Amino acid sequence: MRGEPWTKKEEQILRESYEAGGRRFAHRMLTAAGYDRTFIAVANRAKKLKIRAQQSGKFHSGQTPWNKGKKMTQEMRDRVSHSWFKKGQKSHTAKHDGCITVRTDTSTKRKYKWIRIAKSKWKPLHRHLWEEANGAIPRGMMVVFKDGDSLNCTLDNLEMISRKEHRNRIIGDKTPAERLTDGYVRHVLRNYYDMRDEDITAEIIEVWRAKIQMEREIKKLENE
């Protein structure tokens, strides 16, 4: 197809789609129709035919799509139907119920595990585990990690405390961060230095615990 003369059918698709949504949209429409034209070829042909986009490609309120009321021809259907999803077919990237993923909280930069409960319904894994074992979490209460490691989602590492108690822990010296627990040091290495769990050995945790403690002492001396 490349290097071959443009057909009237191609130019018709080019004109209609280019005027409606610009060259990128025209290129996608030609590709969907089975024509092997490069993006540059589409732009050059439109320039030669003096075709200009009527819109920026972004739909606005009240704008009528260029193909409104037009039915897809059988020829077009035969060319693109192979790429359609069949009834009941799922994407290869679709997750299943019980699937667990790791997400990063945008405000705290901490990583948490999430579990899929149902289609389009996800929940933090630590909250799900707690509720499965102990029932709903009352209002004003929260589930936290005893060792400070937000990826260590086991019941033994979870506890439910009030939000007020949580604030007191942050202000006081009872947090995993203050105690420099193994879980907290692992959290630091994983979240801020992108280290993998399999690379964080007990020896590395001890070295980094000493390093963090030393940096804290230096900072304290500088502030005196």
C-alpha atoms as a PDB file:
ATOM      1  CA  MET A   1       0.000   0.000   0.000  1.00  0.00           C
ATOM      2  CA  ARG A   2       2.840   2.377   0.809  1.00  0.00           C
ATOM      3  CA  GLY A   3       3.975   4.250  -2.289  1.00  0.00           C
ATOM      4  CA  GLU A   4       0.849   3.267  -4.200  1.00  0.00           C
ATOM      5  CA  PRO A   5      -1.554   5.883  -5.579  1.00  0.00           C
ATOM      6  CA  TRP A   6      -4.408   6.942  -3.328  1.00  0.00           C
ATOM      7  CA  THR A   7      -7.820   5.586  -4.254  1.00  0.00           C
ATOM      8  CA  LYS A   8     -10.993   7.649  -4.277  1.00  0.00           C
ATOM      9  CA  LYS A   9     -12.270   5.586  -1.337  1.00  0.00           C
ATOM     10  CA  GLU A  10      -9.165   6.416   0.687  1.00  0.00           C
ATOM     11  CA  GLU A  11      -9.428  10.095  -0.103  1.00  0.00           C
ATOM     12  CA  GLN A  12     -13.079  10.087   0.898  1.00  0.00           C
ATOM     13  CA  ILE A  13     -12.240   8.577   4.309  1.00  0.00           C
ATOM     14  CA  LEU A  14      -9.306  10.975   4.605  1.00  0.00           C
ATOM     15  CA  ARG A  15     -11.428  14.024   3.868  1.00  0.00           C
ATOM     16  CA  GLU A  16     -14.316  13.107   6.164  1.00  0.00           C
ATOM     17  CA  SER A  17     -12.174  12.058   9.120  1.00  0.00           C
ATOM     18  CA  TYR A  18      -9.535  14.789   8.702  1.00  0.00           C
ATOM     19  CA  GLU A  19     -12.123  17.541   8.646  1.00  0.00           C
ATOM     20  CA  ALA A  20     -13.815  16.036  11.679  1.00  0.00           C
ATOM     21  CA  GLY A  21     -10.819  15.326  13.903  1.00  0.00           C
ATOM     22  CA  GLY A  22      -7.511  16.208  12.321  1.00  0.00           C
ATOM     23  CA  ARG A  23      -4.651  14.142  10.939  1.00  0.00           C
ATOM     24  CA  ARG A  24      -4.234  11.773  13.872  1.00  0.00           C
ATOM     25  CA  PHE A  25      -7.898  10.867  13.769  1.00  0.00           C
ATOM     26  CA  ALA A  26      -7.718  10.464   9.984  1.00  0.00           C
ATOM     27  CA  HIS A  27      -4.706   8.175  10.312  1.00  0.00           C
ATOM     28  CA  ARG A  28      -6.548   5.988  12.841  1.00  0.00           C
ATOM     29  CA  MET A  29      -9.624   5.780  10.629  1.00  0.00           C
ATOM     30  CA  LEU A  30      -7.602   4.805   7.561  1.00  0.00           C
ATOM     31  CA  THR A  31      -5.750   2.152   9.573  1.00  0.00           C
ATOM     32  CA  ALA A  32      -9.049   0.784  10.899  1.00  0.00           C
ATOM     33  CA  ALA A  33     -10.319   0.604   7.328  1.00  0.00           C
ATOM     34  CA  GLY A  34      -7.344  -1.548   6.372  1.00  0.00           C
ATOM     35  CA  TYR A  35      -5.219   1.033   4.569  1.00  0.00           C
ATOM     36  CA  ASP A  36      -1.501   0.968   5.335  1.00  0.00           C
ATOM     37  CA  ARG A  37      -0.609   4.654   5.206  1.00  0.00           C
ATOM     38  CA  THR A  38       1.959   6.302   7.434  1.00  0.00           C
ATOM     39  CA  PHE A  39       1.117   9.297   9.588  1.00  0.00           C
ATOM     40  CA  ILE A  40       3.353  11.497   7.407  1.00  0.00           C
ATOM     41  CA  ALA A  41       1.679  10.229   4.234  1.00  0.00           C
ATOM     42  CA  VAL A  42      -1.728  11.136   5.646  1.00  0.00           C
ATOM     43  CA  ALA A  43      -0.577  14.644   6.563  1.00  0.00           C
ATOM     44  CA  ASN A  44       1.073  15.196   3.179  1.00  0.00           C
ATOM     45  CA  ARG A  45      -1.954  13.950   1.244  1.00  0.00           C
ATOM     46  CA  ALA A  46      -4.279  16.199   3.224  1.00  0.00           C
ATOM     47  CA  LYS A  47      -1.995  19.142   2.539  1.00  0.00           C
ATOM     48  CA  LYS A  48      -1.913  18.362  -1.177  1.00  0.00           C
ATOM     49  CA  LEU A  49      -5.711  18.120  -1.330  1.00  0.00           C
ATOM     50  CA  LYS A  50      -5.976  21.279   0.790  1.00  0.00           C
ATOM     51  CA  ILE A  51      -8.011  19.500   3.461  1.00  0.00           C
ATOM     52  CA  ARG A  52      -8.194  21.244   6.801  1.00  0.00           C
ATOM     53  CA  ALA A  53      -9.589  20.142  10.126  1.00  0.00           C
ATOM     54  CA  GLN A  54     -12.772  21.928  11.088  1.00  0.00           C
ATOM     55  CA  GLN A  55     -12.276  20.967  14.723  1.00  0.00           C
ATOM     56  CA  SER A  56      -9.276  20.431  16.973  1.00  0.00           C
ATOM     57  CA  GLY A  57     -10.200  16.779  17.476  1.00  0.00           C
ATOM     58  CA  LYS A  58     -11.750  17.484  20.862  1.00  0.00           C
ATOM     59  CA  PHE A  59     -15.521  17.188  21.084  1.00  0.00           C
ATOM     60  CA  HIS A  60     -17.338  20.147  22.550  1.00  0.00           C
ATOM     61  CA  SER A  61     -20.767  20.409  24.104  1.00  0.00           C
ATOM     62  CA  GLY A  62     -23.407  20.395  21.370  1.00  0.00           C
ATOM     63  CA  GLN A  63     -20.975  19.343  18.639  1.00  0.00           C
ATOM     64  CA  THR A  64     -22.393  16.822  16.178  1.00  0.00           C
ATOM     65  CA  PRO A  65     -20.073  13.904  15.275  1.00  0.00           C
ATOM     66  CA  TRP A  66     -19.239  13.758  11.579  1.00  0.00           C
ATOM     67  CA  ASN A  67     -20.534  10.175  11.329  1.00  0.00           C
ATOM     68  CA  LYS A  68     -23.836  10.735  13.153  1.00  0.00           C
ATOM     69  CA  GLY A  69     -26.632   8.838  11.422  1.00  0.00           C
ATOM     70  CA  LYS A  70     -24.210   7.072   9.080  1.00  0.00           C
ATOM     71  CA  LYS A  71     -24.157   3.301   9.166  1.00  0.00           C
ATOM     72  CA  MET A  72     -20.942   1.381   8.738  1.00  0.00           C
ATOM     73  CA  THR A  73     -20.763  -0.249   5.350  1.00  0.00           C
ATOM     74  CA  GLN A  74     -20.471  -4.026   5.127  1.00  0.00           C
ATOM     75  CA  GLU A  75     -17.062  -3.578   3.524  1.00  0.00           C
ATOM     76  CA  MET A  76     -15.871  -1.585   6.519  1.00  0.00           C
ATOM     77  CA  ARG A  77     -17.395  -4.085   8.965  1.00  0.00           C
ATOM     78  CA  ASP A  78     -15.569  -6.965   7.275  1.00  0.00           C
ATOM     79  CA  ARG A  79     -12.267  -5.100   7.589  1.00  0.00           C
ATOM     80  CA  VAL A  80     -12.476  -4.141  11.245  1.00  0.00           C
ATOM     81  CA  SER A  81     -14.706  -6.807  12.803  1.00  0.00           C
ATOM     82  CA  HIS A  82     -11.718  -9.031  13.588  1.00  0.00           C
ATOM     83  CA  SER A  83     -10.581  -6.465  16.182  1.00  0.00           C
ATOM     84  CA  TRP A  84     -13.922  -6.288  17.999  1.00  0.00           C
ATOM     85  CA  PHE A  85     -14.459  -7.866  21.392  1.00  0.00           C
ATOM     86  CA  LYS A  86     -16.784 -10.832  21.265  1.00  0.00           C
ATOM     87  CA  LYS A  87     -19.697 -11.116  23.696  1.00  0.00           C
ATOM     88  CA  GLY A  88     -18.365 -12.162  27.095  1.00  0.00           C
ATOM     89  CA  GLN A  89     -14.748 -11.733  25.996  1.00  0.00           C
ATOM     90  CA  LYS A  90     -12.412 -10.012  28.468  1.00  0.00           C
ATOM     91  CA  SER A  91      -9.237  -8.070  27.920  1.00  0.00           C
ATOM     92  CA  HIS A  92      -6.017  -9.984  28.597  1.00  0.00           C
ATOM     93  CA  THR A  93      -5.210  -7.319  31.205  1.00  0.00           C
ATOM     94  CA  ALA A  94      -8.514  -7.756  33.068  1.00  0.00           C
ATOM     95  CA  LYS A  95      -8.094  -8.579  36.768  1.00  0.00           C
ATOM     96  CA  HIS A  96     -10.013 -11.293  38.614  1.00  0.00           C
ATOM     97  CA  ASP A  97     -11.717 -11.181  42.009  1.00  0.00           C
ATOM     98  CA  GLY A  98      -9.117 -11.697  44.720  1.00  0.00           C
ATOM     99  CA  CYS A  99      -6.340 -10.173  42.595  1.00  0.00           C
ATOM    100  CA  ILE A 100      -3.880  -8.067  44.633  1.00  0.00           C
ATOM    101  CA  THR A 101      -1.999  -5.054  43.280  1.00  0.00           C
ATOM    102  CA  VAL A 102       0.308  -2.457  44.833  1.00  0.00           C
ATOM    103  CA  ARG A 103      -0.574   1.225  44.574  1.00  0.00           C
ATOM    104  CA  THR A 104       1.295   4.315  45.747  1.00  0.00           C
ATOM    105  CA  ASP A 105      -0.553   6.909  47.801  1.00  0.00           C
ATOM    106  CA  THR A 106      -0.041  10.219  45.990  1.00  0.00           C
ATOM    107  CA  SER A 107       0.060  12.306  49.174  1.00  0.00           C
ATOM    108  CA  THR A 108       2.254  10.162  51.436  1.00  0.00           C
ATOM    109  CA  LYS A 109       4.154   8.256  48.708  1.00  0.00           C
ATOM    110  CA  ARG A 110       3.586   5.076  50.712  1.00  0.00           C
ATOM    111  CA  LYS A 111       2.762   1.837  48.953  1.00  0.00           C
ATOM    112  CA  TYR A 112      -0.311  -0.182  49.874  1.00  0.00           C
ATOM    113  CA  LYS A 113      -1.770  -3.458  48.713  1.00  0.00           C
ATOM    114  CA  TRP A 114      -5.261  -3.414  47.213  1.00  0.00           C
ATOM    115  CA  ILE A 115      -7.537  -6.384  46.537  1.00  0.00           C
ATOM    116  CA  ARG A 116     -10.306  -6.678  43.987  1.00  0.00           C
ATOM    117  CA  ILE A 117     -13.592  -7.487  45.745  1.00  0.00           C
ATOM    118  CA  ALA A 118     -15.810  -7.438  42.662  1.00  0.00           C
ATOM    119  CA  LYS A 119     -15.830  -5.935  39.196  1.00  0.00           C
ATOM    120  CA  SER A 120     -14.736  -2.280  39.425  1.00  0.00           C
ATOM    121  CA  LYS A 121     -14.580  -2.566  43.233  1.00  0.00           C
ATOM    122  CA  TRP A 122     -11.197  -2.514  44.991  1.00  0.00           C
ATOM    123  CA  LYS A 123     -10.316  -2.178  48.665  1.00  0.00           C
ATOM    124  CA  PRO A 124      -7.116  -1.735  50.723  1.00  0.00           C
ATOM    125  CA  LEU A 125      -5.974  -5.250  51.601  1.00  0.00           C
ATOM    126  CA  HIS A 126      -5.227  -4.492  55.259  1.00  0.00           C
ATOM    127  CA  ARG A 127      -8.753  -3.155  55.808  1.00  0.00           C
ATOM    128  CA  HIS A 128     -10.258  -6.119  53.965  1.00  0.00           C
ATOM    129  CA  LEU A 129      -8.309  -8.645  56.061  1.00  0.00           C
ATOM    130  CA  TRP A 130      -9.271  -6.927  59.298  1.00  0.00           C
ATOM    131  CA  GLU A 131     -12.966  -6.768  58.438  1.00  0.00           C
ATOM    132  CA  GLU A 132     -12.993 -10.391  57.299  1.00  0.00           C
ATOM    133  CA  ALA A 133     -11.661 -11.432  60.716  1.00  0.00           C
ATOM    134  CA  ASN A 134     -13.199  -8.838  63.037  1.00  0.00           C
ATOM    135  CA  GLY A 135     -16.137  -7.218  61.290  1.00  0.00           C
ATOM    136  CA  ALA A 136     -16.680  -3.667  60.087  1.00  0.00           C
ATOM    137  CA  ILE A 137     -14.323  -0.907  61.216  1.00  0.00           C
ATOM    138  CA  PRO A 138     -16.271   1.575  63.399  1.00  0.00           C
ATOM    139  CA  ARG A 139     -16.367   5.223  62.466  1.00  0.00           C
ATOM    140  CA  GLY A 140     -13.422   7.134  63.917  1.00  0.00           C
ATOM    141  CA  MET A 141     -11.230   4.027  64.007  1.00  0.00           C
ATOM    142  CA  MET A 142      -8.453   2.970  61.653  1.00  0.00           C
ATOM    143  CA  VAL A 143      -6.303  -0.078  60.984  1.00  0.00           C
ATOM    144  CA  VAL A 144      -2.538   0.481  61.161  1.00  0.00           C
ATOM    145  CA  PHE A 145       0.599  -1.599  60.769  1.00  0.00           C
ATOM    146  CA  LYS A 146       2.395  -2.476  63.999  1.00  0.00           C
ATOM    147  CA  ASP A 147       5.830  -2.556  62.408  1.00  0.00           C
ATOM    148  CA  GLY A 148       5.257   0.427  60.110  1.00  0.00           C
ATOM    149  CA  ASP A 149       5.564  -1.686  56.960  1.00  0.00           C
ATOM    150  CA  SER A 150       2.523  -0.872  54.815  1.00  0.00           C
ATOM    151  CA  LEU A 151       3.066  -3.925  52.631  1.00  0.00           C
ATOM    152  CA  ASN A 152       3.212  -6.374  55.533  1.00  0.00           C
ATOM    153  CA  CYS A 153      -0.495  -7.255  55.357  1.00  0.00           C
ATOM    154  CA  THR A 154      -0.920 -10.014  57.926  1.00  0.00           C
ATOM    155  CA  LEU A 155      -3.404 -10.052  60.777  1.00  0.00           C
ATOM    156  CA  ASP A 156      -0.585 -10.347  63.295  1.00  0.00           C
ATOM    157  CA  ASN A 157       0.820  -7.052  62.045  1.00  0.00           C
ATOM    158  CA  LEU A 158      -2.488  -5.154  62.105  1.00  0.00           C
ATOM    159  CA  GLU A 159      -4.198  -3.328  64.928  1.00  0.00           C
ATOM    160  CA  MET A 160      -7.208  -1.049  65.151  1.00  0.00           C
ATOM    161  CA  ILE A 161      -6.795   2.259  66.942  1.00  0.00           C
ATOM    162  CA  SER A 162      -8.705   5.527  67.087  1.00  0.00           C
ATOM    163  CA  ARG A 163      -7.687   8.425  64.896  1.00  0.00           C
ATOM    164  CA  LYS A 164      -6.940  10.416  68.046  1.00  0.00           C
ATOM    165  CA  GLU A 165      -4.569   7.698  69.264  1.00  0.00           C
ATOM    166  CA  HIS A 166      -2.971   7.637  65.859  1.00  0.00           C
ATOM    167  CA  ARG A 167      -2.285  11.385  66.049  1.00  0.00           C
ATOM    168  CA  ASN A 168      -0.804  10.968  69.524  1.00  0.00           C
ATOM    169  CA  ARG A 169       1.510   8.268  68.242  1.00  0.00           C
ATOM    170  CA  ILE A 170       2.709  10.555  65.481  1.00  0.00           C
ATOM    171  CA  ILE A 171       3.401  13.323  67.996  1.00  0.00           C
ATOM    172  CA  GLY A 172       4.920  11.027  70.603  1.00  0.00           C
ATOM    173  CA  ASP A 173       7.741   8.518  70.386  1.00  0.00           C
ATOM    174  CA  LYS A 174       5.770   5.298  69.978  1.00  0.00           C
ATOM    175  CA  THR A 175       5.670   5.111  66.225  1.00  0.00           C
ATOM    176  CA  PRO A 176       7.542   2.422  64.268  1.00  0.00           C
ATOM    177  CA  ALA A 177       9.542   5.288  62.792  1.00  0.00           C
ATOM    178  CA  GLU A 178      10.731   6.371  66.229  1.00  0.00           C
ATOM    179  CA  ARG A 179      11.512   2.790  67.216  1.00  0.00           C
ATOM    180  CA  LEU A 180      13.218   2.153  63.864  1.00  0.00           C
ATOM    181  CA  THR A 181      11.599  -1.264  63.605  1.00  0.00           C
ATOM    182  CA  ASP A 182      12.641  -3.724  60.924  1.00  0.00           C
ATOM    183  CA  GLY A 183       9.355  -3.070  59.176  1.00  0.00           C
ATOM    184  CA  TYR A 184       9.883   0.683  59.127  1.00  0.00           C
ATOM    185  CA  VAL A 185      13.433   0.403  57.803  1.00  0.00           C
ATOM    186  CA  ARG A 186      12.185  -2.012  55.128  1.00  0.00           C
ATOM    187  CA  HIS A 187       9.457   0.508  54.278  1.00  0.00           C
ATOM    188  CA  VAL A 188      12.060   3.269  53.847  1.00  0.00           C
ATOM    189  CA  LEU A 189      14.266   1.153  51.598  1.00  0.00           C
ATOM    190  CA  ARG A 190      11.335  -0.015  49.502  1.00  0.00           C
ATOM    191  CA  ASN A 191       9.502   3.297  49.128  1.00  0.00           C
ATOM    192  CA  TYR A 192      12.299   5.834  48.971  1.00  0.00           C
ATOM    193  CA  TYR A 193      15.196   3.860  47.506  1.00  0.00           C
ATOM    194  CA  ASP A 194      13.198   1.501  45.231  1.00  0.00           C
ATOM    195  CA  MET A 195      14.863  -1.606  46.651  1.00  0.00           C
ATOM    196  CA  ARG A 196      13.236  -4.981  46.082  1.00  0.00           C
ATOM    197  CA  ASP A 197      12.158  -7.123  49.003  1.00  0.00           C
ATOM    198  CA  GLU A 198      14.460  -9.963  47.996  1.00  0.00           C
ATOM    199  CA  ASP A 199      17.452  -7.590  48.187  1.00  0.00           C
ATOM    200  CA  ILE A 200      16.641  -6.304  51.702  1.00  0.00           C
ATOM    201  CA  THR A 201      18.471  -8.695  53.988  1.00  0.00           C
ATOM    202  CA  ALA A 202      18.736  -8.572  57.773  1.00  0.00           C
ATOM    203  CA  GLU A 203      22.294  -7.225  57.450  1.00  0.00           C
ATOM    204  CA  ILE A 204      21.179  -4.397  55.172  1.00  0.00           C
ATOM    205  CA  ILE A 205      18.385  -3.490  57.596  1.00  0.00           C
ATOM    206  CA  GLU A 206      20.907  -3.252  60.463  1.00  0.00           C
ATOM    207  CA  VAL A 207      23.245  -1.028  58.405  1.00  0.00           C
ATOM    208  CA  TRP A 208      20.432   1.301  57.374  1.00  0.00           C
ATOM    209  CA  ARG A 209      19.014   1.402  60.888  1.00  0.00           C
ATOM    210  CA  ALA A 210      22.385   2.673  62.111  1.00  0.00           C
ATOM    211  CA  LYS A 211      22.581   5.131  59.203  1.00  0.00           C
ATOM    212  CA  ILE A 212      19.125   6.586  59.899  1.00  0.00           C
ATOM    213  CA  GLN A 213      19.890   6.837  63.611  1.00  0.00           C
ATOM    214  CA  MET A 214      23.164   8.636  62.885  1.00  0.00           C
ATOM    215  CA  GLU A 215      21.463  11.104  60.541  1.00  0.00           C
ATOM    216  CA  ARG A 216      18.898  11.840  63.239  1.00  0.00           C
ATOM    217  CA  GLU A 217      21.600  12.489  65.825  1.00  0.00           C
ATOM    218  CA  ILE A 218      23.441  14.827  63.436  1.00  0.00           C
ATOM    219  CA  LYS A 219      20.243  16.731  62.698  1.00  0.00           C
ATOM    220  CA  LYS A 220      19.514  17.025  66.413  1.00  0.00           C
ATOM    221  CA  LEU A 221      22.970  18.465  67.081  1.00  0.00           C
ATOM    222  CA  GLU A 222      22.613  20.937  64.216  1.00  0.00           C
ATOM    223  CA  ASN A 223      19.327  22.194  65.662  1.00  0.00           C
ATOM    224  CA  GLU A 224      20.738  22.760  69.135  1.00  0.00           C
END
